[in-house]
Amino acid sequence: MGDVVGDSKVDFGVLAVLHKWPSLANQRRSDRASYQVIEGTLDECISAFMAKPAATRHLYEIRTIAQPPLVTDILSPEHITELARLREFL
């Protein structure tokens, strides 16, 4: 079910969870734990992330099953944006 990228495959149908970090003045609070926003497929979590205002995306991350080398178990906002571009390309 994955899309082929060179010799690497990304399965956008795997289980993933979009997390948000509590913030103060639009900055992550390191003294608080992140919390679950949605649970679904990697594709659904990427779509939900991309629907967030660009100015707040740094407060989010996606947790999923690692799919080396393109997908790590915790995806940073920059990594999610790159995967969204890759997904659009495919």
C-alpha atoms as a PDB file:
ATOM      1  CA  MET A   1       0.000   0.000   0.000  1.00  0.00           C
ATOM      2  CA  GLY A   2       3.041   2.277   0.212  1.00  0.00           C
ATOM      3  CA  ASP A   3       4.206   4.742  -2.374  1.00  0.00           C
ATOM      4  CA  VAL A   4       7.634   4.163  -3.848  1.00  0.00           C
ATOM      5  CA  VAL A   5      10.305   6.832  -3.444  1.00  0.00           C
ATOM      6  CA  GLY A   6      13.492   5.569  -5.026  1.00  0.00           C
ATOM      7  CA  ASP A   7      14.089   2.327  -3.150  1.00  0.00           C
ATOM      8  CA  SER A   8      12.130   3.575  -0.132  1.00  0.00           C
ATOM      9  CA  LYS A   9       8.439   3.099   0.548  1.00  0.00           C
ATOM     10  CA  VAL A  10       6.229   5.200   2.774  1.00  0.00           C
ATOM     11  CA  ASP A  11       2.978   3.638   3.941  1.00  0.00           C
ATOM     12  CA  PHE A  12       0.688   6.617   4.589  1.00  0.00           C
ATOM     13  CA  GLY A  13      -1.961   4.191   5.909  1.00  0.00           C
ATOM     14  CA  VAL A  14      -0.103   3.266   9.119  1.00  0.00           C
ATOM     15  CA  LEU A  15      -1.480   4.316  12.504  1.00  0.00           C
ATOM     16  CA  ALA A  16      -0.308   7.740  13.663  1.00  0.00           C
ATOM     17  CA  VAL A  17      -1.184  10.316  16.310  1.00  0.00           C
ATOM     18  CA  LEU A  18      -0.985  14.095  15.949  1.00  0.00           C
ATOM     19  CA  HIS A  19       0.215  15.704  19.187  1.00  0.00           C
ATOM     20  CA  LYS A  20       0.217  19.354  20.246  1.00  0.00           C
ATOM     21  CA  TRP A  21       2.472  20.932  22.826  1.00  0.00           C
ATOM     22  CA  PRO A  22       0.937  23.367  25.317  1.00  0.00           C
ATOM     23  CA  SER A  23       2.205  26.859  24.617  1.00  0.00           C
ATOM     24  CA  LEU A  24       2.680  30.240  26.191  1.00  0.00           C
ATOM     25  CA  ALA A  25       3.155  33.230  23.870  1.00  0.00           C
ATOM     26  CA  ASN A  26       3.196  30.788  20.924  1.00  0.00           C
ATOM     27  CA  GLN A  27       6.235  28.937  22.341  1.00  0.00           C
ATOM     28  CA  ARG A  28       6.309  25.288  23.423  1.00  0.00           C
ATOM     29  CA  ARG A  29       6.173  24.793  27.162  1.00  0.00           C
ATOM     30  CA  SER A  30       8.871  22.303  28.078  1.00  0.00           C
ATOM     31  CA  ASP A  31       7.367  21.878  31.550  1.00  0.00           C
ATOM     32  CA  ARG A  32       4.194  20.323  30.123  1.00  0.00           C
ATOM     33  CA  ALA A  33       3.564  17.118  28.175  1.00  0.00           C
ATOM     34  CA  SER A  34       2.156  17.130  24.662  1.00  0.00           C
ATOM     35  CA  TYR A  35      -1.392  15.879  24.204  1.00  0.00           C
ATOM     36  CA  GLN A  36      -3.190  13.910  21.523  1.00  0.00           C
ATOM     37  CA  VAL A  37      -5.182  15.912  18.955  1.00  0.00           C
ATOM     38  CA  ILE A  38      -6.233  13.149  16.560  1.00  0.00           C
ATOM     39  CA  GLU A  39      -5.485   9.476  16.016  1.00  0.00           C
ATOM     40  CA  GLY A  40      -5.747   8.030  12.533  1.00  0.00           C
ATOM     41  CA  THR A  41      -3.566   7.167   9.582  1.00  0.00           C
ATOM     42  CA  LEU A  42      -0.317   8.952   8.819  1.00  0.00           C
ATOM     43  CA  ASP A  43      -2.114  10.491   5.831  1.00  0.00           C
ATOM     44  CA  GLU A  44      -4.948  11.827   8.026  1.00  0.00           C
ATOM     45  CA  CYS A  45      -2.505  13.231  10.585  1.00  0.00           C
ATOM     46  CA  ILE A  46      -0.460  14.972   7.873  1.00  0.00           C
ATOM     47  CA  SER A  47      -3.661  16.486   6.443  1.00  0.00           C
ATOM     48  CA  ALA A  48      -4.780  17.670   9.899  1.00  0.00           C
ATOM     49  CA  PHE A  49      -1.339  19.181  10.528  1.00  0.00           C
ATOM     50  CA  MET A  50      -1.301  20.987   7.173  1.00  0.00           C
ATOM     51  CA  ALA A  51      -4.755  22.447   7.951  1.00  0.00           C
ATOM     52  CA  LYS A  52      -3.315  24.212  11.013  1.00  0.00           C
ATOM     53  CA  PRO A  53      -2.172  27.841  10.633  1.00  0.00           C
ATOM     54  CA  ALA A  54       1.482  27.945   9.549  1.00  0.00           C
ATOM     55  CA  ALA A  55       2.302  30.202  12.521  1.00  0.00           C
ATOM     56  CA  THR A  56       1.306  27.463  15.003  1.00  0.00           C
ATOM     57  CA  ARG A  57       2.642  24.333  13.261  1.00  0.00           C
ATOM     58  CA  HIS A  58       5.828  24.371  15.368  1.00  0.00           C
ATOM     59  CA  LEU A  59       3.648  23.308  18.313  1.00  0.00           C
ATOM     60  CA  TYR A  60       2.749  19.966  16.689  1.00  0.00           C
ATOM     61  CA  GLU A  61       4.400  16.618  16.025  1.00  0.00           C
ATOM     62  CA  ILE A  62       3.252  13.273  14.669  1.00  0.00           C
ATOM     63  CA  ARG A  63       4.076  10.009  16.412  1.00  0.00           C
ATOM     64  CA  THR A  64       3.965   6.876  14.292  1.00  0.00           C
ATOM     65  CA  ILE A  65       5.792   3.662  13.469  1.00  0.00           C
ATOM     66  CA  ALA A  66       9.247   4.358  12.040  1.00  0.00           C
ATOM     67  CA  GLN A  67       9.665   3.564   8.343  1.00  0.00           C
ATOM     68  CA  PRO A  68      13.395   4.078   7.734  1.00  0.00           C
ATOM     69  CA  PRO A  69      14.886   6.043   6.151  1.00  0.00           C
ATOM     70  CA  LEU A  70      12.092   8.544   5.399  1.00  0.00           C
ATOM     71  CA  VAL A  71       9.817   8.289   8.447  1.00  0.00           C
ATOM     72  CA  THR A  72      10.996   8.470  12.061  1.00  0.00           C
ATOM     73  CA  ASP A  73       8.832   7.554  15.067  1.00  0.00           C
ATOM     74  CA  ILE A  74       8.418  11.225  16.027  1.00  0.00           C
ATOM     75  CA  LEU A  75       8.033  13.621  13.113  1.00  0.00           C
ATOM     76  CA  SER A  76       8.964  17.273  13.578  1.00  0.00           C
ATOM     77  CA  PRO A  77       6.931  20.037  11.902  1.00  0.00           C
ATOM     78  CA  GLU A  78       9.622  20.420   9.217  1.00  0.00           C
ATOM     79  CA  HIS A  79       9.636  16.672   8.560  1.00  0.00           C
ATOM     80  CA  ILE A  80       5.813  16.595   8.334  1.00  0.00           C
ATOM     81  CA  THR A  81       5.876  19.436   5.794  1.00  0.00           C
ATOM     82  CA  GLU A  82       8.429  17.531   3.673  1.00  0.00           C
ATOM     83  CA  LEU A  83       6.312  14.357   3.824  1.00  0.00           C
ATOM     84  CA  ALA A  84       3.257  16.385   2.774  1.00  0.00           C
ATOM     85  CA  ARG A  85       5.188  17.660  -0.265  1.00  0.00           C
ATOM     86  CA  LEU A  86       6.331  14.117  -1.054  1.00  0.00           C
ATOM     87  CA  ARG A  87       2.768  12.831  -0.746  1.00  0.00           C
ATOM     88  CA  GLU A  88       1.538  15.532  -3.157  1.00  0.00           C
ATOM     89  CA  PHE A  89       4.302  14.638  -5.617  1.00  0.00           C
ATOM     90  CA  LEU A  90       3.257  10.972  -5.563  1.00  0.00           C
END
